[in-house]
Protein backbone atom coordinates (compact mmCIF):
# COMPACT_ATOMS: atom_id res chain seq x y z
CA UNK A 1 151.38 251.08 69.74
CA UNK A 2 150.42 253.67 72.30
CA UNK A 3 151.81 253.08 75.78
CA UNK A 4 149.81 254.21 78.80
CA UNK A 5 151.28 257.03 80.81
CA UNK A 6 152.07 256.18 84.43
CA UNK A 7 148.90 256.31 86.54
CA UNK A 8 146.37 256.26 83.66
CA UNK A 9 145.27 252.75 84.48
CA UNK A 10 146.82 250.40 86.95
CA UNK A 11 150.60 250.21 87.07
CA UNK A 12 151.68 252.85 89.56
CA UNK A 13 155.06 254.59 89.60
CA UNK A 14 156.17 252.60 92.62
CA UNK A 15 155.20 249.37 90.89
CA UNK A 16 157.09 250.34 87.76
CA UNK A 17 160.19 251.10 89.79
CA UNK A 18 159.99 247.61 91.29
CA UNK A 19 160.06 245.84 87.92
CA UNK A 20 163.22 244.75 86.16
CA UNK A 21 163.90 245.83 82.57
CA UNK A 22 162.84 242.45 81.08
CA UNK A 23 159.66 242.49 83.15
CA UNK A 24 158.86 246.01 81.97
CA UNK A 25 159.30 244.95 78.36
CA UNK A 26 156.93 242.02 78.89
CA UNK A 27 154.23 244.10 80.53
CA UNK A 28 154.29 247.52 78.85
CA UNK A 29 150.72 248.75 79.05
CA UNK A 30 148.64 249.42 75.97
CA UNK A 31 145.60 251.70 76.03
CA UNK A 32 142.64 249.29 76.34
CA UNK A 33 140.62 251.12 73.69
CA UNK A 34 143.39 250.38 71.18
CA UNK A 35 142.43 246.69 71.41
CA UNK A 36 138.70 247.17 71.86
CA UNK A 37 138.41 247.18 75.66
CA UNK A 38 137.07 249.89 77.98
CA UNK A 39 139.51 251.57 80.39
CA UNK A 40 136.74 252.63 82.75
CA UNK A 41 135.33 249.11 82.97
CA UNK A 42 138.74 247.49 83.55
CA UNK A 43 139.45 250.02 86.29
CA UNK A 44 136.68 248.35 88.30
CA UNK A 45 139.06 245.44 88.92
CA UNK A 46 140.94 247.64 91.38
CA UNK A 47 137.82 248.15 93.48
CA UNK A 48 136.87 244.47 93.26
CA UNK A 49 140.27 243.42 94.61
CA UNK A 50 140.15 246.06 97.36
CA UNK A 51 136.74 244.83 98.53
CA UNK A 52 138.07 241.29 98.96
CA UNK A 53 141.19 242.54 100.77
CA UNK A 54 139.17 244.79 103.11
CA UNK A 55 136.83 241.89 103.86
CA UNK A 56 139.76 239.74 104.91
CA UNK A 57 139.14 237.17 102.18
CA UNK A 58 142.61 237.54 100.69
CA UNK A 59 145.75 239.44 101.79
CA UNK A 60 146.34 240.75 98.26
CA UNK A 61 146.29 239.91 94.58
CA UNK A 62 148.06 240.59 91.30
CA UNK A 63 145.88 240.75 88.19
CA UNK A 64 146.96 240.99 84.55
CA UNK A 65 144.63 241.30 81.53
CA UNK A 66 145.81 241.12 77.92
CA UNK A 67 144.15 241.18 74.51
CA UNK A 68 145.80 240.47 71.16
CA UNK A 69 148.95 239.75 73.15
CA UNK A 70 149.04 243.29 74.58
CA UNK A 71 148.76 243.97 78.32
CA UNK A 72 145.98 246.43 79.16
CA UNK A 73 145.75 245.98 82.94
CA UNK A 74 148.42 244.96 85.45
CA UNK A 75 148.23 245.77 89.14
CA UNK A 76 149.42 244.45 92.49
CA UNK A 77 147.37 245.27 95.59
CA UNK A 78 147.54 244.33 99.23
CA UNK A 79 150.28 242.56 101.17
CA UNK A 80 152.29 239.35 100.93
CA UNK A 81 150.66 238.05 104.12
CA UNK A 82 148.56 239.56 106.87
CA UNK A 83 151.33 239.17 109.45
CA UNK A 84 154.16 240.90 107.61
CA UNK A 85 152.17 243.71 105.96
CA UNK A 86 154.84 243.81 103.25
CA UNK A 87 153.32 245.30 100.06
CA UNK A 88 152.73 242.84 97.24
CA UNK A 89 154.85 243.68 94.20
CA UNK A 90 153.97 243.10 90.51
CA UNK A 91 157.10 240.95 89.97
CA UNK A 92 156.57 238.78 93.05
CA UNK A 93 157.66 235.15 92.60
CA UNK A 94 154.92 232.60 93.34
CA UNK A 95 154.90 228.85 93.46
CA UNK A 96 152.80 228.12 90.35
CA UNK A 97 151.37 225.02 92.03
CA UNK A 98 149.03 223.14 89.67
CA UNK A 99 149.50 225.73 86.91
CA UNK A 100 152.67 223.72 86.28
CA UNK A 101 150.47 220.98 84.82
CA UNK A 102 149.26 223.24 82.00
CA UNK A 103 152.86 223.97 80.97
CA UNK A 104 153.75 220.26 80.97
CA UNK A 105 150.63 219.52 78.89
CA UNK A 106 151.70 222.03 76.23
CA UNK A 107 155.19 220.50 76.23
CA UNK A 108 153.69 217.08 75.54
CA UNK A 109 151.62 218.44 72.65
CA UNK A 110 154.77 219.95 71.13
CA UNK A 111 156.14 216.42 70.85
CA UNK A 112 152.84 215.25 69.37
CA UNK A 113 153.25 217.91 66.69
CA UNK A 114 156.85 216.76 66.18
CA UNK A 115 155.49 213.30 65.39
CA UNK A 116 157.45 211.79 68.29
CA UNK A 117 154.52 211.11 70.60
CA UNK A 118 151.06 209.65 70.04
CA UNK A 119 148.37 210.45 72.59
CA UNK A 120 146.79 207.03 72.24
CA UNK A 121 150.01 205.12 72.72
CA UNK A 122 150.14 203.03 75.89
CA UNK A 123 152.48 204.57 78.42
CA UNK A 124 154.37 201.27 78.44
CA UNK A 125 155.76 202.15 75.00
CA UNK A 126 157.88 204.81 76.71
CA UNK A 127 158.11 203.44 80.27
CA UNK A 128 158.39 199.64 80.04
CA UNK A 129 157.49 199.09 83.71
CA UNK A 130 153.95 200.26 82.87
CA UNK A 131 153.54 197.14 80.74
CA UNK A 132 153.06 194.98 83.83
CA UNK A 133 149.51 193.76 84.56
CA UNK A 134 147.61 196.41 86.54
CA UNK A 135 145.04 195.94 89.29
CA UNK A 136 142.08 198.19 90.00
CA UNK A 137 140.89 198.40 93.58
CA UNK A 138 137.14 198.48 94.11
CA UNK A 139 135.38 199.11 97.41
CA UNK A 140 133.65 195.98 98.67
CA UNK A 141 129.86 196.22 99.03
CA UNK A 142 129.08 197.70 102.44
CA UNK A 143 132.65 198.89 102.99
CA UNK A 144 133.30 202.30 104.58
CA UNK A 145 134.40 204.93 102.03
CA UNK A 146 138.03 205.72 101.39
CA UNK A 147 139.14 208.52 103.74
CA UNK A 148 139.94 211.96 102.33
CA UNK A 149 143.32 213.49 103.14
CA UNK A 150 144.03 217.21 102.86
CA UNK A 151 147.18 216.44 100.93
CA UNK A 152 147.52 213.24 98.90
CA UNK A 153 149.83 210.82 100.62
CA UNK A 154 149.99 207.97 103.09
CA UNK A 155 147.15 208.22 105.60
CA UNK A 156 145.34 206.16 108.21
CA UNK A 157 141.82 204.72 108.30
CA UNK A 158 138.88 207.05 108.76
CA UNK A 159 138.08 207.51 112.45
CA UNK A 160 134.42 207.95 111.62
CA UNK A 161 133.93 204.92 109.41
CA UNK A 162 136.82 202.53 109.93
CA UNK A 163 139.20 201.17 107.34
CA UNK A 164 137.90 200.73 103.79
CA UNK A 165 137.85 197.23 102.36
CA UNK A 166 138.77 196.56 98.73
CA UNK A 167 138.55 193.89 96.14
CA UNK A 168 141.02 193.79 93.26
CA UNK A 169 140.17 193.28 89.62
CA UNK A 170 142.44 193.38 86.56
CA UNK A 171 142.63 196.56 84.51
CA UNK A 172 140.62 196.15 81.33
CA UNK A 173 142.90 198.34 79.21
CA UNK A 174 146.33 199.96 79.42
CA UNK A 175 146.85 203.58 80.48
CA UNK A 176 147.49 205.91 77.55
CA UNK A 177 149.12 209.32 77.38
CA UNK A 178 145.72 210.83 76.56
CA UNK A 179 144.25 209.39 79.79
CA UNK A 180 147.01 211.00 81.83
CA UNK A 181 146.44 214.42 80.24
CA UNK A 182 142.67 214.17 80.77
CA UNK A 183 142.78 212.79 84.35
CA UNK A 184 140.95 209.63 83.34
CA UNK A 185 143.77 207.12 83.97
CA UNK A 186 142.73 206.06 87.49
CA UNK A 187 146.28 206.43 88.73
CA UNK A 188 145.39 208.64 91.69
CA UNK A 189 142.33 210.45 93.00
CA UNK A 190 142.96 213.80 94.69
CA UNK A 191 142.82 213.52 98.45
CA UNK A 192 142.49 209.71 98.61
CA UNK A 193 145.46 207.59 99.66
CA UNK A 194 145.97 204.49 97.56
CA UNK A 195 149.32 203.59 99.03
CA UNK A 196 151.49 205.22 96.41
CA UNK A 197 155.21 205.21 97.11
CA UNK A 198 156.95 208.04 98.86
CA UNK A 199 159.10 210.31 96.75
CA UNK A 200 162.60 210.22 98.19
CA UNK A 201 164.78 213.37 98.18
CA UNK A 202 167.17 211.70 95.74
CA UNK A 203 164.43 210.62 93.33
CA UNK A 204 164.29 212.03 89.81
CA UNK A 205 161.43 211.41 87.42
CA UNK A 206 163.52 208.58 85.95
CA UNK A 207 163.74 206.81 89.32
CA UNK A 208 160.35 207.74 90.79
CA UNK A 209 157.88 207.21 87.95
CA UNK A 210 158.70 203.50 87.40
CA UNK A 211 157.74 202.93 91.07
CA UNK A 212 154.17 203.81 90.08
CA UNK A 213 153.90 200.80 87.77
CA UNK A 214 152.62 198.53 90.56
CA UNK A 215 150.24 201.11 92.03
CA UNK A 216 146.64 199.88 92.19
CA UNK A 217 144.31 202.09 90.15
CA UNK A 218 141.25 203.79 91.62
CA UNK A 219 138.99 202.92 88.69
CA UNK A 220 139.13 201.30 85.28
CA UNK A 221 141.24 203.46 82.94
CA UNK A 222 139.07 205.74 80.83
CA UNK A 223 135.89 205.05 82.82
CA UNK A 224 135.64 208.29 84.84
CA UNK A 225 137.30 211.65 85.54
CA UNK A 226 139.08 212.27 88.83
CA UNK A 227 141.83 214.80 89.43
CA UNK A 228 145.27 213.20 89.66
CA UNK A 229 146.90 215.85 91.78
CA UNK A 230 150.36 214.42 92.29
CA UNK A 231 151.06 211.55 89.93
CA UNK A 232 149.47 211.57 86.48
CA UNK A 233 151.39 214.53 85.06
CA UNK A 234 154.61 213.21 86.61
CA UNK A 235 154.24 210.23 84.27
CA UNK A 236 153.64 212.58 81.31
CA UNK A 237 156.80 214.49 82.17
CA UNK A 238 158.81 211.28 82.27
CA UNK A 239 157.41 210.33 78.84
CA UNK A 240 158.58 213.75 77.58
CA UNK A 241 162.06 213.05 78.95
CA UNK A 242 162.24 209.64 77.30
CA UNK A 243 161.01 210.93 73.93
CA UNK A 244 163.11 214.12 73.87
CA UNK A 245 166.31 212.79 75.42
CA UNK A 246 166.35 215.75 77.83
CA UNK A 247 165.21 216.14 81.40
CA UNK A 248 161.97 218.07 81.75
CA UNK A 249 163.70 221.25 82.92
CA UNK A 250 165.99 221.28 79.89
CA UNK A 251 163.11 220.60 77.51
CA UNK A 252 160.96 223.41 78.90
CA UNK A 253 163.81 225.89 78.82
CA UNK A 254 164.73 225.02 75.25
CA UNK A 255 161.28 224.76 73.72
CA UNK A 256 158.96 226.95 75.75
CA UNK A 257 160.15 229.02 78.72
CA UNK A 258 163.28 230.40 77.07
CA UNK A 259 161.73 231.32 73.71
CA UNK A 260 158.70 232.90 75.38
CA UNK A 261 160.94 235.03 77.60
CA UNK A 262 159.70 233.48 80.85
CA UNK A 263 163.04 234.32 82.44
CA UNK A 264 161.86 234.20 86.06
CA UNK A 265 160.21 230.77 85.69
CA UNK A 266 161.98 227.58 86.76
CA UNK A 267 161.75 224.48 88.93
CA UNK A 268 162.55 226.37 92.09
CA UNK A 269 163.36 230.03 92.67
CA UNK A 270 166.34 231.45 90.83
CA UNK A 271 168.91 232.43 93.41
CA UNK A 272 169.05 236.09 92.37
CA UNK A 273 165.25 236.31 92.73
CA UNK A 274 164.88 234.83 96.21
CA UNK A 275 164.14 238.22 97.78
CA UNK A 276 161.03 238.47 95.58
CA UNK A 277 159.71 234.98 96.31
CA UNK A 278 156.73 234.08 98.47
CA UNK A 279 156.77 230.66 100.14
CA UNK A 280 153.51 228.71 100.06
CA UNK A 281 153.18 229.56 103.75
CA UNK A 282 155.26 231.84 106.01
CA UNK A 283 158.37 230.06 107.20
CA UNK A 284 158.43 227.32 104.58
CA UNK A 285 161.78 226.95 102.79
CA UNK A 286 162.12 228.00 99.17
CA UNK A 287 163.42 225.47 96.63
CA UNK A 288 166.37 226.89 94.70
CA UNK A 289 166.56 226.49 90.93
CA UNK A 290 169.59 224.50 89.93
CA UNK A 291 169.62 222.68 93.25
CA UNK A 292 166.29 220.95 92.66
CA UNK A 293 166.74 217.57 90.96
CA UNK A 294 163.38 215.94 91.67
CA UNK A 295 161.36 218.06 89.25
CA UNK A 296 157.68 218.10 90.19
CA UNK A 297 155.73 218.23 86.94
CA UNK A 298 152.51 218.56 88.92
CA UNK A 299 153.35 221.63 90.97
CA UNK A 300 157.08 222.44 90.83
CA UNK A 301 157.38 225.61 88.76
CA UNK A 302 157.92 229.04 90.33
CA UNK A 303 156.93 232.07 88.29
CA UNK A 304 155.54 235.61 88.20
CA UNK A 305 152.21 236.88 86.91
CA UNK A 306 154.02 238.66 84.08
CA UNK A 307 155.94 235.53 83.13
CA UNK A 308 152.93 233.24 83.22
CA UNK A 309 150.93 235.72 81.19
CA UNK A 310 153.32 235.14 78.28
CA UNK A 311 152.24 231.49 78.30
CA UNK A 312 148.55 232.46 78.61
CA UNK A 313 148.81 235.09 75.88
CA UNK A 314 150.35 232.54 73.53
CA UNK A 315 147.45 230.16 74.10
CA UNK A 316 144.85 232.92 73.69
CA UNK A 317 146.46 233.78 70.35
CA UNK A 318 146.14 230.30 68.79
CA UNK A 319 149.57 229.17 69.91
CA UNK A 320 151.47 232.16 68.51
CA UNK A 321 153.35 234.92 70.32
CA UNK A 322 155.75 237.62 69.12
CA UNK A 323 155.97 236.11 65.67
CA UNK A 324 156.74 232.56 66.81
CA UNK A 325 154.31 229.64 66.52
CA UNK A 326 154.61 227.39 69.57
CA UNK A 327 151.61 225.21 68.80
CA UNK A 328 149.42 224.99 65.72
CA UNK A 329 145.97 226.57 66.11
CA UNK A 330 144.35 223.17 65.61
CA UNK A 331 146.46 221.75 68.44
CA UNK A 332 145.39 224.51 70.83
CA UNK A 333 141.79 223.93 69.79
CA UNK A 334 142.18 220.20 70.46
CA UNK A 335 143.66 220.84 73.89
CA UNK A 336 140.78 223.20 74.74
CA UNK A 337 138.03 220.91 73.46
CA UNK A 338 136.00 218.40 75.45
CA UNK A 339 138.16 215.27 75.61
CA UNK A 340 136.14 213.36 78.21
CA UNK A 341 132.80 213.09 76.41
CA UNK A 342 129.88 212.51 78.80
CA UNK A 343 132.11 211.98 81.86
CA UNK A 344 131.54 214.41 84.73
CA UNK A 345 134.30 216.20 86.62
CA UNK A 346 133.85 214.48 89.97
CA UNK A 347 135.87 214.37 93.17
CA UNK A 348 137.48 217.80 92.87
CA UNK A 349 135.93 221.29 92.58
CA UNK A 350 137.38 222.60 89.29
CA UNK A 351 138.13 226.30 89.81
CA UNK A 352 135.21 226.41 92.27
CA UNK A 353 132.79 225.94 89.36
CA UNK A 354 129.86 223.50 89.19
CA UNK A 355 130.98 220.42 87.28
CA UNK A 356 127.85 220.47 85.11
CA UNK A 357 129.01 223.64 83.35
CA UNK A 358 132.55 222.59 82.48
CA UNK A 359 134.46 219.80 80.74
CA UNK A 360 138.12 218.85 80.51
CA UNK A 361 140.48 218.92 77.56
CA UNK A 362 144.15 217.99 77.33
CA UNK A 363 145.46 219.69 80.46
CA UNK A 364 142.84 222.45 80.56
CA UNK A 365 139.40 223.08 82.01
CA UNK A 366 136.89 224.19 79.35
CA UNK A 367 133.80 226.29 79.97
CA UNK A 368 130.89 224.63 78.17
CA UNK A 369 127.77 226.24 79.69
CA UNK A 370 128.72 229.61 81.21
CA UNK A 371 125.43 230.16 83.05
CA UNK A 372 125.69 226.77 84.73
CA UNK A 373 129.40 227.23 85.47
CA UNK A 374 128.61 230.59 87.10
CA UNK A 375 130.90 232.64 84.91
CA UNK A 376 130.58 235.41 82.34
CA UNK A 377 133.39 233.87 80.28
CA UNK A 378 132.40 232.66 76.84
CA UNK A 379 131.86 228.99 76.10
CA UNK A 380 135.16 227.65 74.82
CA UNK A 381 137.25 229.63 77.31
CA UNK A 382 139.90 227.41 78.90
CA UNK A 383 142.44 227.53 81.68
CA UNK A 384 143.39 226.02 85.01
CA UNK A 385 143.84 226.66 88.71
CA UNK A 386 146.83 226.42 91.03
CA UNK A 387 146.33 225.89 94.74
CA UNK A 388 142.99 227.68 94.53
CA UNK A 389 144.69 231.07 94.22
CA UNK A 390 146.76 231.07 91.00
CA UNK A 391 144.57 231.11 87.89
CA UNK A 392 144.65 231.72 84.21
CA UNK A 393 142.11 231.87 81.43
CA UNK A 394 142.42 232.06 77.68
CA UNK A 395 139.32 233.34 75.86
CA UNK A 396 140.19 232.42 72.27
CA UNK A 397 137.12 233.96 70.65
CA UNK A 398 138.12 237.37 72.03
CA UNK A 399 141.92 236.75 72.14
CA UNK A 400 141.89 237.65 75.84
CA UNK A 401 144.19 236.28 78.55
CA UNK A 402 143.53 236.65 82.28
CA UNK A 403 146.12 235.80 84.95
CA UNK A 404 145.70 236.37 88.67
CA UNK A 405 147.61 235.23 91.74
CA UNK A 406 146.97 235.71 95.44
CA UNK A 407 149.49 234.95 98.21
CA UNK A 408 147.59 232.10 99.83
CA UNK A 409 146.44 228.54 99.11
CA UNK A 410 142.76 227.66 99.10
CA UNK A 411 139.42 228.62 97.55
CA UNK A 412 139.17 232.13 99.06
CA UNK A 413 140.08 233.77 95.74
CA UNK A 414 137.23 232.15 93.80
CA UNK A 415 134.65 234.95 94.35
CA UNK A 416 137.17 237.54 93.17
CA UNK A 417 137.98 235.47 90.10
CA UNK A 418 134.31 235.31 89.09
CA UNK A 419 134.11 239.10 89.49
CA UNK A 420 137.24 239.68 87.41
CA UNK A 421 135.83 237.46 84.66
CA UNK A 422 132.59 239.47 84.62
CA UNK A 423 134.41 242.81 84.51
CA UNK A 424 136.71 241.74 81.69
CA UNK A 425 133.89 240.41 79.55
CA UNK A 426 131.80 243.53 80.18
CA UNK A 427 134.76 245.70 79.11
CA UNK A 428 134.61 244.46 75.51
CA UNK A 429 133.55 247.37 73.30
CA UNK A 430 130.91 246.16 70.88
CA UNK A 431 131.32 247.39 67.29
């Protein structure tokens, strides 16, 4: 394998000096032409990022592109935030936000492959409290709509419309593991408060998840798609704990993060990496790995672009990486396939893409009609979004992985992501 000389493509000398030895090993650059990609085309990513920074859309970004498991582009540009002006580094630690959900989904499918978990089992098989009769709340005719909250949680009535009025009806079917992974369970709609219990500082998944058993559902299980931002994947993680006999942190370290070499990734920031970590907003405290006990399976992982790319590269390579098979190719294909049938992705803008051009699999968004979705990615590409500014794609047909992170939360990075997708796909050298 030919390794790019410093400065040929994207990883500058200063960036290289900032990376630890393990990070360097993970992200050694291969000449793009060696894996069928154009160096000159990929170099356009630098200009695309700079345009967005200069326009004030984002303070900075880190972008990594890989094909056949080999990194061909990796660059950090800009600053950690517009106030500090501190340069963004390639090994910066980010809160993975919702990208955590993709990791948990893969962990669940590992247990499916082990024969220990069935996607169509009722959750009550693993968490007995979920066997209680469930109620579905339905807006009364003529009632004001449920108010939207910026962050899911307890909220008051809408000032514009008044308090919504509900009727209750019994759930027609139990919630299954598959429904949780596909966001069709009805357990929580993003941005709408349905009175779910507060998570206390002392709560673990074992103590918190059973509290959700009495939560009224937002719709009949399996009848629609709506993003469960804070709760659905927490239930999946608790199922993993029950089935495996380990807490979710132990399971991930033993089966996925450790073997992949994701050494900077954990629930919280590893204490020796705190200096490299970016809080979700300036001044917010950083959770410390080892001190965190209430593992958030929805958004609790902290990681680097290089680390997360190992996960993305594995998925883009049919579940295999560095000679180890983490998932069978057919399992990856199942996770990336349309699992919601004719249902439409409503109530949440998936990766800032029109819902008509995408579907949802088992933990992943799938591109179905690229032109409608507004992307140059191929149909069958899959990935997910974290906080609007952490994103990954696997393009299985071309064995390409794309990972990008920007130090902010919100949709401002979406235009850049569409541009990166177009550049990467245009860089493929046709035979």
